[in-house]
Amino acid sequence: MAPTIACTTFDCTDAAALAGFYAQLLDHPVDADASEFFATVGRGSGMTPPLMFLKVPERTPGKNSVHLDMMATDLSAEVERAVALGAKHIGDFDEYGLQWATLADPEGNLFDIATHN
């Protein structure tokens, strides 16, 4: 089964503040437990896809601040499939109750494929 888009993610300096902006703009509430480090808009209200905001220590030159996050039931199989299609596997992570891999598409745009722990 192909991965699905889980959310659109924004790297930022204050997750709660930026989530508040988009919540007002889109007329959807900021989801519970928002902090300066992590916030979402639209999960509780059914917006598809929801927005996720993550505080990053600094903007990495060349790194896109908005990227696709996809969910898969078999993370390793989907990472292998993406690489076979031309993606580059950048790294693996385990935070926020998720495991994910960051990849770059053939033009260097980053995206993530995740699975629930």
C-alpha atoms as a PDB file:
ATOM      1  CA  MET A   1       0.000   0.000   0.000  1.00  0.00           C
ATOM      2  CA  ALA A   2       1.416   3.408  -0.975  1.00  0.00           C
ATOM      3  CA  PRO A   3       2.038   6.023   1.720  1.00  0.00           C
ATOM      4  CA  THR A   4      -0.537   8.737   2.354  1.00  0.00           C
ATOM      5  CA  ILE A   5       0.048  12.405   3.220  1.00  0.00           C
ATOM      6  CA  ALA A   6      -0.210  12.726   6.995  1.00  0.00           C
ATOM      7  CA  CYS A   7       0.314  16.483   7.356  1.00  0.00           C
ATOM      8  CA  THR A   8       2.097  19.520   5.999  1.00  0.00           C
ATOM      9  CA  THR A   9       4.976  20.403   8.319  1.00  0.00           C
ATOM     10  CA  PHE A  10       6.540  23.806   8.976  1.00  0.00           C
ATOM     11  CA  ASP A  11       9.997  24.207  10.524  1.00  0.00           C
ATOM     12  CA  CYS A  12       9.874  27.375  12.640  1.00  0.00           C
ATOM     13  CA  THR A  13      11.224  29.254  15.642  1.00  0.00           C
ATOM     14  CA  ASP A  14       8.001  29.193  17.745  1.00  0.00           C
ATOM     15  CA  ALA A  15       5.602  26.368  16.927  1.00  0.00           C
ATOM     16  CA  ALA A  16       2.669  27.628  19.022  1.00  0.00           C
ATOM     17  CA  ALA A  17       2.870  31.168  17.649  1.00  0.00           C
ATOM     18  CA  LEU A  18       3.006  30.087  14.010  1.00  0.00           C
ATOM     19  CA  ALA A  19       0.242  27.533  14.609  1.00  0.00           C
ATOM     20  CA  GLY A  20      -1.852  30.359  16.077  1.00  0.00           C
ATOM     21  CA  PHE A  21      -1.404  32.399  12.913  1.00  0.00           C
ATOM     22  CA  TYR A  22      -2.526  29.551  10.647  1.00  0.00           C
ATOM     23  CA  ALA A  23      -5.335  28.586  13.024  1.00  0.00           C
ATOM     24  CA  GLN A  24      -6.778  32.076  12.726  1.00  0.00           C
ATOM     25  CA  LEU A  25      -6.157  32.262   9.000  1.00  0.00           C
ATOM     26  CA  LEU A  26      -7.847  28.917   8.319  1.00  0.00           C
ATOM     27  CA  ASP A  27     -10.506  29.207  11.060  1.00  0.00           C
ATOM     28  CA  HIS A  28      -9.437  25.950  12.707  1.00  0.00           C
ATOM     29  CA  PRO A  29      -8.276  25.707  16.333  1.00  0.00           C
ATOM     30  CA  VAL A  30      -4.759  24.981  17.475  1.00  0.00           C
ATOM     31  CA  ASP A  31      -4.875  21.404  18.781  1.00  0.00           C
ATOM     32  CA  ALA A  32      -4.393  20.652  22.495  1.00  0.00           C
ATOM     33  CA  ASP A  33      -0.912  20.525  24.026  1.00  0.00           C
ATOM     34  CA  ALA A  34       0.634  23.110  21.703  1.00  0.00           C
ATOM     35  CA  SER A  35       3.980  24.465  22.876  1.00  0.00           C
ATOM     36  CA  GLU A  36       6.772  26.580  21.494  1.00  0.00           C
ATOM     37  CA  PHE A  37       8.366  23.289  20.353  1.00  0.00           C
ATOM     38  CA  PHE A  38       5.469  21.374  18.751  1.00  0.00           C
ATOM     39  CA  ALA A  39       1.950  22.286  17.664  1.00  0.00           C
ATOM     40  CA  THR A  40      -0.701  21.146  15.215  1.00  0.00           C
ATOM     41  CA  VAL A  41      -3.748  22.696  13.603  1.00  0.00           C
ATOM     42  CA  GLY A  42      -6.637  20.671  12.205  1.00  0.00           C
ATOM     43  CA  ARG A  43      -6.183  17.203  13.702  1.00  0.00           C
ATOM     44  CA  GLY A  44      -9.056  17.647  16.150  1.00  0.00           C
ATOM     45  CA  SER A  45     -11.276  19.563  13.734  1.00  0.00           C
ATOM     46  CA  GLY A  46     -10.853  17.141  10.835  1.00  0.00           C
ATOM     47  CA  MET A  47      -8.889  19.398   8.486  1.00  0.00           C
ATOM     48  CA  THR A  48      -7.140  17.282   5.853  1.00  0.00           C
ATOM     49  CA  PRO A  49      -4.228  17.300   5.820  1.00  0.00           C
ATOM     50  CA  PRO A  50      -3.562  18.928   9.190  1.00  0.00           C
ATOM     51  CA  LEU A  51      -0.659  21.325   9.701  1.00  0.00           C
ATOM     52  CA  MET A  52       2.264  20.516  12.029  1.00  0.00           C
ATOM     53  CA  PHE A  53       4.757  23.035  13.385  1.00  0.00           C
ATOM     54  CA  LEU A  54       8.177  22.038  14.771  1.00  0.00           C
ATOM     55  CA  LYS A  55      10.697  24.315  16.441  1.00  0.00           C
ATOM     56  CA  VAL A  56      14.142  23.920  14.904  1.00  0.00           C
ATOM     57  CA  PRO A  57      17.351  25.363  16.373  1.00  0.00           C
ATOM     58  CA  GLU A  58      18.150  27.248  13.185  1.00  0.00           C
ATOM     59  CA  ARG A  59      17.036  27.266   9.602  1.00  0.00           C
ATOM     60  CA  THR A  60      19.411  25.083   7.657  1.00  0.00           C
ATOM     61  CA  PRO A  61      20.496  26.779   4.415  1.00  0.00           C
ATOM     62  CA  GLY A  62      18.900  24.973   1.503  1.00  0.00           C
ATOM     63  CA  LYS A  63      16.477  23.005   3.699  1.00  0.00           C
ATOM     64  CA  ASN A  64      12.863  23.519   2.772  1.00  0.00           C
ATOM     65  CA  SER A  65      10.851  24.817   5.716  1.00  0.00           C
ATOM     66  CA  VAL A  66       7.622  23.203   4.455  1.00  0.00           C
ATOM     67  CA  HIS A  67       7.650  19.548   3.489  1.00  0.00           C
ATOM     68  CA  LEU A  68       5.362  16.542   3.090  1.00  0.00           C
ATOM     69  CA  ASP A  69       4.996  14.059   5.931  1.00  0.00           C
ATOM     70  CA  MET A  70       3.594  10.712   4.826  1.00  0.00           C
ATOM     71  CA  MET A  71       2.402   7.765   6.915  1.00  0.00           C
ATOM     72  CA  ALA A  72       3.092   4.143   6.013  1.00  0.00           C
ATOM     73  CA  THR A  73       2.359   0.820   7.653  1.00  0.00           C
ATOM     74  CA  ASP A  74       5.757  -0.606   6.636  1.00  0.00           C
ATOM     75  CA  LEU A  75       8.327   2.162   7.022  1.00  0.00           C
ATOM     76  CA  SER A  76      11.382   0.284   5.799  1.00  0.00           C
ATOM     77  CA  ALA A  77       9.609  -1.038   2.701  1.00  0.00           C
ATOM     78  CA  GLU A  78       8.394   2.436   1.742  1.00  0.00           C
ATOM     79  CA  VAL A  79      11.844   3.975   2.324  1.00  0.00           C
ATOM     80  CA  GLU A  80      13.359   1.298   0.100  1.00  0.00           C
ATOM     81  CA  ARG A  81      10.692   1.931  -2.539  1.00  0.00           C
ATOM     82  CA  ALA A  82      11.298   5.707  -2.429  1.00  0.00           C
ATOM     83  CA  VAL A  83      15.045   5.185  -2.812  1.00  0.00           C
ATOM     84  CA  ALA A  84      14.431   2.834  -5.743  1.00  0.00           C
ATOM     85  CA  LEU A  85      12.377   5.617  -7.362  1.00  0.00           C
ATOM     86  CA  GLY A  86      15.300   8.058  -7.039  1.00  0.00           C
ATOM     87  CA  ALA A  87      15.066   9.460  -3.496  1.00  0.00           C
ATOM     88  CA  LYS A  88      18.079   9.804  -1.207  1.00  0.00           C
ATOM     89  CA  HIS A  89      17.731   8.501   2.378  1.00  0.00           C
ATOM     90  CA  ILE A  90      18.937  11.324   4.653  1.00  0.00           C
ATOM     91  CA  GLY A  91      18.328   9.968   8.169  1.00  0.00           C
ATOM     92  CA  ASP A  92      16.105   8.119  10.651  1.00  0.00           C
ATOM     93  CA  PHE A  93      14.363   9.574  13.705  1.00  0.00           C
ATOM     94  CA  ASP A  94      12.204   8.475  16.652  1.00  0.00           C
ATOM     95  CA  GLU A  95      10.320  11.271  18.473  1.00  0.00           C
ATOM     96  CA  TYR A  96       6.777  12.400  19.312  1.00  0.00           C
ATOM     97  CA  GLY A  97       5.504   8.786  19.270  1.00  0.00           C
ATOM     98  CA  LEU A  98       6.575   8.310  15.667  1.00  0.00           C
ATOM     99  CA  GLN A  99       9.465   6.758  13.815  1.00  0.00           C
ATOM    100  CA  TRP A 100      10.321   8.402  10.527  1.00  0.00           C
ATOM    101  CA  ALA A 101      12.858   8.644   7.771  1.00  0.00           C
ATOM    102  CA  THR A 102      13.800  11.893   6.092  1.00  0.00           C
ATOM    103  CA  LEU A 103      14.469  11.604   2.387  1.00  0.00           C
ATOM    104  CA  ALA A 104      15.219  13.963  -0.479  1.00  0.00           C
ATOM    105  CA  ASP A 105      13.412  13.731  -3.797  1.00  0.00           C
ATOM    106  CA  PRO A 106      15.417  13.701  -7.047  1.00  0.00           C
ATOM    107  CA  GLU A 107      15.600  17.528  -6.982  1.00  0.00           C
ATOM    108  CA  GLY A 108      16.687  17.669  -3.337  1.00  0.00           C
ATOM    109  CA  ASN A 109      13.342  18.594  -1.723  1.00  0.00           C
ATOM    110  CA  LEU A 110      12.994  16.938   1.671  1.00  0.00           C
ATOM    111  CA  PHE A 111      10.053  14.785   2.758  1.00  0.00           C
ATOM    112  CA  ASP A 112       9.393  12.331   5.584  1.00  0.00           C
ATOM    113  CA  ILE A 113       7.836   8.892   5.730  1.00  0.00           C
ATOM    114  CA  ALA A 114       6.670   7.878   9.207  1.00  0.00           C
ATOM    115  CA  THR A 115       4.976   5.107  11.141  1.00  0.00           C
ATOM    116  CA  HIS A 116       3.505   5.041  14.650  1.00  0.00           C
ATOM    117  CA  ASN A 117       5.645   3.384  17.343  1.00  0.00           C
END
